N, C-alpha and C. Protein backbone atom coordinates (compact mmCIF):
# COMPACT_ATOMS: atom_id res chain seq x y z
N MET A 1 -9.57 58.61 151.27
CA MET A 1 -9.22 57.19 151.06
C MET A 1 -9.14 57.41 149.37
N ASP A 2 -8.43 58.71 148.86
CA ASP A 2 -8.81 58.78 147.90
C ASP A 2 -6.95 58.93 147.59
N SER A 3 -6.36 58.97 148.44
CA SER A 3 -5.02 59.32 148.68
C SER A 3 -4.37 57.97 148.71
N VAL A 4 -5.31 57.53 149.25
CA VAL A 4 -4.99 55.70 149.85
C VAL A 4 -4.97 54.74 148.85
N ARG A 5 -5.66 55.47 147.76
CA ARG A 5 -6.26 54.79 146.16
C ARG A 5 -4.36 54.28 145.19
N ARG A 6 -4.92 56.26 146.17
CA ARG A 6 -3.58 56.70 144.15
C ARG A 6 -2.14 55.84 145.15
N ASN A 7 -1.56 56.24 146.22
CA ASN A 7 -0.63 55.65 146.70
C ASN A 7 -0.38 55.62 148.21
N LEU A 8 -0.50 54.29 148.64
CA LEU A 8 -0.29 53.94 150.21
C LEU A 8 0.41 54.39 150.58
N GLU A 9 1.50 54.07 150.38
CA GLU A 9 2.47 54.12 150.52
C GLU A 9 2.57 56.17 151.59
N THR A 10 2.45 56.54 150.74
CA THR A 10 2.49 58.05 150.49
C THR A 10 0.88 58.42 151.37
N ALA A 11 0.24 58.23 151.44
CA ALA A 11 -0.73 58.28 151.96
C ALA A 11 -0.77 58.64 154.08
N PRO A 12 -1.52 59.07 154.03
CA PRO A 12 -1.64 60.41 155.73
C PRO A 12 -2.40 59.41 156.23
N VAL A 13 -2.15 57.57 156.76
CA VAL A 13 -2.71 56.98 157.41
C VAL A 13 -1.66 56.15 158.17
N SER A 14 -1.55 55.57 159.05
CA SER A 14 -1.12 54.80 160.06
C SER A 14 0.41 53.87 159.61
N ALA A 15 1.47 54.03 159.73
CA ALA A 15 1.94 52.04 159.22
C ALA A 15 0.46 50.88 159.60
N LYS A 16 0.77 50.99 161.02
CA LYS A 16 0.13 49.59 160.60
C LYS A 16 -1.13 49.68 159.66
N LEU A 17 -2.24 51.06 159.49
CA LEU A 17 -2.96 50.30 158.40
C LEU A 17 -2.53 50.19 157.42
N LYS A 18 -1.20 50.94 156.53
CA LYS A 18 -0.60 49.97 155.86
C LYS A 18 -0.04 48.78 155.65
N ALA A 19 0.24 48.70 156.43
CA ALA A 19 0.41 47.08 156.67
C ALA A 19 -0.88 46.33 156.39
N LEU A 20 -1.56 46.25 157.29
CA LEU A 20 -2.84 45.69 156.95
C LEU A 20 -4.05 46.07 155.78
N LEU A 21 -3.95 47.47 155.24
CA LEU A 21 -4.16 47.37 153.87
C LEU A 21 -3.22 46.16 152.62
N ARG A 22 -1.24 46.48 152.89
CA ARG A 22 -1.07 45.77 152.14
C ARG A 22 -1.13 44.38 152.20
N ILE A 23 -1.98 43.47 153.04
CA ILE A 23 -2.57 42.40 153.60
C ILE A 23 -3.69 42.61 152.48
N ALA A 24 -4.59 43.17 153.12
CA ALA A 24 -5.60 43.26 152.04
C ALA A 24 -4.92 42.61 150.24
N GLY A 25 -4.73 43.59 150.30
CA GLY A 25 -4.58 43.74 148.83
C GLY A 25 -4.19 42.31 148.42
N LYS A 26 -3.06 41.74 148.87
CA LYS A 26 -2.58 40.40 148.35
C LYS A 26 -3.55 39.52 148.61
N VAL A 27 -4.68 39.41 148.98
CA VAL A 27 -5.40 38.64 149.62
C VAL A 27 -6.49 38.81 148.37
N GLN A 28 -6.49 39.89 147.65
CA GLN A 28 -7.40 40.83 146.43
C GLN A 28 -6.88 39.79 145.71
N GLU A 29 -5.77 39.24 145.13
CA GLU A 29 -4.55 38.30 144.03
C GLU A 29 -5.17 36.68 144.87
N SER A 30 -4.72 36.62 145.74
CA SER A 30 -4.84 35.17 146.53
C SER A 30 -4.98 35.21 147.79
N GLY A 31 -5.19 34.47 148.72
CA GLY A 31 -4.82 34.22 150.44
C GLY A 31 -3.90 34.01 150.24
N ARG A 32 -2.80 32.80 149.03
CA ARG A 32 -1.97 32.23 148.90
C ARG A 32 -0.82 33.53 148.80
N CYS A 33 -1.42 34.44 148.61
CA CYS A 33 0.11 36.02 148.44
C CYS A 33 1.01 36.36 149.98
N VAL A 34 -0.71 35.98 150.71
CA VAL A 34 0.19 36.45 152.16
C VAL A 34 1.43 36.21 152.07
N THR A 35 2.52 36.28 152.73
CA THR A 35 3.83 35.85 152.64
C THR A 35 3.31 36.23 154.24
N PRO A 36 4.40 34.91 155.18
CA PRO A 36 4.07 35.65 157.08
C PRO A 36 5.71 36.91 157.05
N GLU A 37 6.15 37.54 155.88
CA GLU A 37 6.87 37.97 156.11
C GLU A 37 5.30 39.46 156.98
N ASP A 38 4.59 39.44 155.90
CA ASP A 38 3.49 39.99 155.94
C ASP A 38 2.98 40.22 157.34
N ILE A 39 2.39 39.54 157.45
CA ILE A 39 2.50 39.23 158.97
C ILE A 39 2.66 39.82 160.39
N ALA A 40 4.47 39.55 159.66
CA ALA A 40 5.20 40.15 160.71
C ALA A 40 5.12 41.20 160.62
N ASP A 41 4.85 41.77 159.65
CA ASP A 41 5.46 43.12 159.16
C ASP A 41 4.15 44.28 160.08
N ALA A 42 2.86 43.14 160.13
CA ALA A 42 1.46 44.04 160.59
C ALA A 42 1.59 43.87 162.06
N ARG A 43 2.40 43.53 162.36
CA ARG A 43 2.65 42.73 163.73
C ARG A 43 3.58 43.45 164.85
N ALA A 44 4.55 43.91 163.63
CA ALA A 44 5.55 44.89 164.32
C ALA A 44 4.82 46.46 164.20
N GLU A 45 3.98 46.91 163.27
CA GLU A 45 3.40 47.89 162.91
C GLU A 45 2.35 47.47 164.29
N GLY A 46 1.75 47.15 165.19
CA GLY A 46 1.15 47.32 165.97
C GLY A 46 0.21 46.08 165.71
N ALA A 47 -0.28 45.69 164.94
CA ALA A 47 -1.46 44.87 164.51
C ALA A 47 -1.43 43.33 165.73
N THR A 48 -2.96 43.36 166.18
CA THR A 48 -3.38 42.35 167.22
C THR A 48 -3.65 41.21 165.69
N ASP A 49 -4.08 39.55 166.37
CA ASP A 49 -3.57 38.72 165.14
C ASP A 49 -5.05 38.98 165.21
N LEU A 50 -6.06 39.36 166.00
CA LEU A 50 -7.73 39.55 165.76
C LEU A 50 -7.72 40.63 164.72
N GLU A 51 -6.97 41.66 164.22
CA GLU A 51 -7.06 42.54 163.39
C GLU A 51 -6.68 42.04 162.29
N ILE A 52 -5.42 41.16 162.04
CA ILE A 52 -4.93 40.62 160.21
C ILE A 52 -6.32 39.56 160.14
N HIS A 53 -6.53 39.16 160.75
CA HIS A 53 -7.37 37.83 160.97
C HIS A 53 -9.17 38.46 160.29
N ASP A 54 -9.32 40.02 161.15
CA ASP A 54 -10.63 40.49 160.09
C ASP A 54 -9.96 41.25 159.33
N THR A 55 -8.88 41.59 159.07
CA THR A 55 -8.65 42.10 157.31
C THR A 55 -8.70 40.95 156.50
N VAL A 56 -7.59 40.24 156.81
CA VAL A 56 -8.62 38.39 155.38
C VAL A 56 -9.87 38.05 155.61
N LEU A 57 -10.58 38.70 156.11
CA LEU A 57 -11.46 37.90 156.19
C LEU A 57 -12.55 38.71 155.93
N ILE A 58 -12.52 40.08 155.80
CA ILE A 58 -12.96 41.16 154.91
C ILE A 58 -12.60 41.18 154.03
N ALA A 59 -11.88 41.18 153.18
CA ALA A 59 -10.79 41.11 151.95
C ALA A 59 -11.03 39.84 150.96
N ALA A 60 -11.08 38.95 151.44
CA ALA A 60 -11.24 38.14 151.32
C ALA A 60 -13.35 37.97 151.32
N ALA A 61 -13.89 38.31 151.46
CA ALA A 61 -15.47 38.90 151.55
C ALA A 61 -15.62 38.96 151.10
N PHE A 62 -14.69 40.61 150.47
CA PHE A 62 -15.43 41.43 149.32
C PHE A 62 -15.49 41.03 147.80
N SER A 63 -13.52 40.30 147.94
CA SER A 63 -13.19 39.67 146.28
C SER A 63 -14.48 38.81 146.03
N MET A 64 -15.33 37.57 147.07
CA MET A 64 -15.69 36.78 146.46
C MET A 64 -17.61 37.52 146.57
N TYR A 65 -17.90 38.57 147.05
CA TYR A 65 -18.56 39.19 146.43
C TYR A 65 -18.22 39.89 145.18
N ASN A 66 -17.43 40.32 144.87
CA ASN A 66 -17.37 41.28 143.39
C ASN A 66 -16.90 40.00 142.63
N ARG A 67 -16.63 38.93 142.66
CA ARG A 67 -16.35 37.19 141.68
C ARG A 67 -18.01 37.41 141.33
N TYR A 68 -18.57 37.40 142.32
CA TYR A 68 -20.21 36.47 142.70
C TYR A 68 -21.20 37.50 141.59
N VAL A 69 -20.98 39.32 141.71
CA VAL A 69 -21.50 40.65 141.15
C VAL A 69 -21.19 40.10 139.73
N ASP A 70 -20.21 40.53 139.61
CA ASP A 70 -19.62 40.07 138.33
C ASP A 70 -19.79 38.93 137.99
N GLY A 71 -20.13 37.91 137.95
CA GLY A 71 -20.68 36.91 137.38
C GLY A 71 -22.37 36.53 136.86
N LEU A 72 -22.55 37.57 137.24
CA LEU A 72 -24.12 37.73 137.20
C LEU A 72 -24.57 38.91 135.97
N ALA A 73 -23.10 39.40 135.47
CA ALA A 73 -23.68 40.48 135.18
C ALA A 73 -23.78 41.92 135.35
N THR A 74 -23.95 41.96 136.04
CA THR A 74 -24.85 43.54 137.16
C THR A 74 -24.45 43.89 137.13
N VAL A 75 -25.15 45.23 136.67
CA VAL A 75 -24.20 46.20 136.09
C VAL A 75 -24.84 47.27 137.08
N THR A 76 -23.79 48.43 137.10
CA THR A 76 -23.57 49.41 137.66
C THR A 76 -23.94 50.71 136.98
N PRO A 77 -24.89 51.89 138.14
CA PRO A 77 -25.45 52.86 137.56
C PRO A 77 -23.79 53.79 137.62
N ILE A 78 -24.43 54.56 136.58
CA ILE A 78 -22.58 55.58 136.56
C ILE A 78 -23.29 56.75 137.49
N ASP A 79 -24.46 57.16 136.67
CA ASP A 79 -24.92 58.40 137.45
C ASP A 79 -25.26 58.47 138.84
N PRO A 80 -24.51 58.69 139.45
CA PRO A 80 -24.82 59.18 140.91
C PRO A 80 -26.51 59.25 141.14
N ALA A 81 -26.72 59.71 140.76
CA ALA A 81 -28.18 60.19 141.12
C ALA A 81 -29.11 59.04 140.69
N LEU A 82 -28.92 57.33 140.67
CA LEU A 82 -29.33 56.87 140.29
C LEU A 82 -30.07 56.04 141.58
N TYR A 83 -28.70 56.37 142.83
CA TYR A 83 -28.41 55.59 143.62
C TYR A 83 -29.66 56.30 144.45
N ASP A 84 -29.89 57.45 144.73
CA ASP A 84 -30.83 58.16 145.17
C ASP A 84 -32.89 57.78 144.87
N VAL A 85 -32.45 56.98 143.06
CA VAL A 85 -33.99 56.63 143.17
C VAL A 85 -33.97 55.43 143.38
N MET A 86 -32.98 54.46 143.12
CA MET A 86 -33.36 53.48 144.17
C MET A 86 -33.22 53.04 145.15
N GLY A 87 -32.75 53.56 146.07
CA GLY A 87 -32.49 53.73 147.58
C GLY A 87 -34.00 54.41 148.16
N ARG A 88 -34.53 54.74 147.63
CA ARG A 88 -35.83 54.91 148.14
C ARG A 88 -36.82 53.78 147.90
N ARG A 89 -36.58 53.55 146.81
CA ARG A 89 -37.40 52.45 146.33
C ARG A 89 -37.26 51.59 146.99
N MET A 90 -36.38 50.85 147.35
CA MET A 90 -35.17 49.92 148.59
C MET A 90 -36.35 49.87 149.56
N ALA A 91 -36.30 51.77 149.82
CA ALA A 91 -36.73 51.16 151.68
C ALA A 91 -38.77 51.58 151.28
N LYS A 92 -39.16 51.58 150.05
CA LYS A 92 -40.57 51.32 150.23
C LYS A 92 -40.58 49.44 149.98
N GLU A 93 -40.67 49.24 149.47
CA GLU A 93 -40.84 48.36 148.55
C GLU A 93 -39.19 46.88 149.34
N GLY A 94 -38.46 48.10 149.86
CA GLY A 94 -36.93 46.01 150.10
C GLY A 94 -36.41 45.30 148.65
N TYR A 95 -35.81 44.90 148.63
CA TYR A 95 -34.54 44.55 147.58
C TYR A 95 -35.29 43.24 146.39
N VAL A 96 -36.61 43.05 146.71
CA VAL A 96 -37.25 42.40 145.64
C VAL A 96 -38.62 42.94 145.24
N ARG A 97 -38.14 42.96 144.31
CA ARG A 97 -39.42 44.02 143.43
C ARG A 97 -40.74 43.30 143.34
N ALA A 98 -42.03 43.26 144.06
CA ALA A 98 -43.38 42.77 144.08
C ALA A 98 -43.81 42.05 143.01
N SER A 99 -43.70 40.99 142.64
CA SER A 99 -44.60 40.91 141.16
C SER A 99 -45.68 41.14 141.25
N ASN A 100 -46.18 41.04 139.46
CA ASN A 100 -47.29 41.98 139.07
C ASN A 100 -48.53 41.21 138.66
């Protein structure tokens, strides 16, 4: 994953996955950034219409979720240990804290 984030083109993943990730990156900017050439490149690397569809859908959904969270000014913990604490609390109490 780190190598993909550093440089997709040299990352040790298949050409098909690279083509799909290029599409996902464009969807992240705007769905209108995806070109017919991007789709043709993905198909040429063996991506099916379903895989292309799912790539666009997942990238669009994550973009929406990120904008939603950013719009609510949600704080993301920096200390990884806090996720353990939150996970235990959510496992016991669920996502909504009980009102006192």
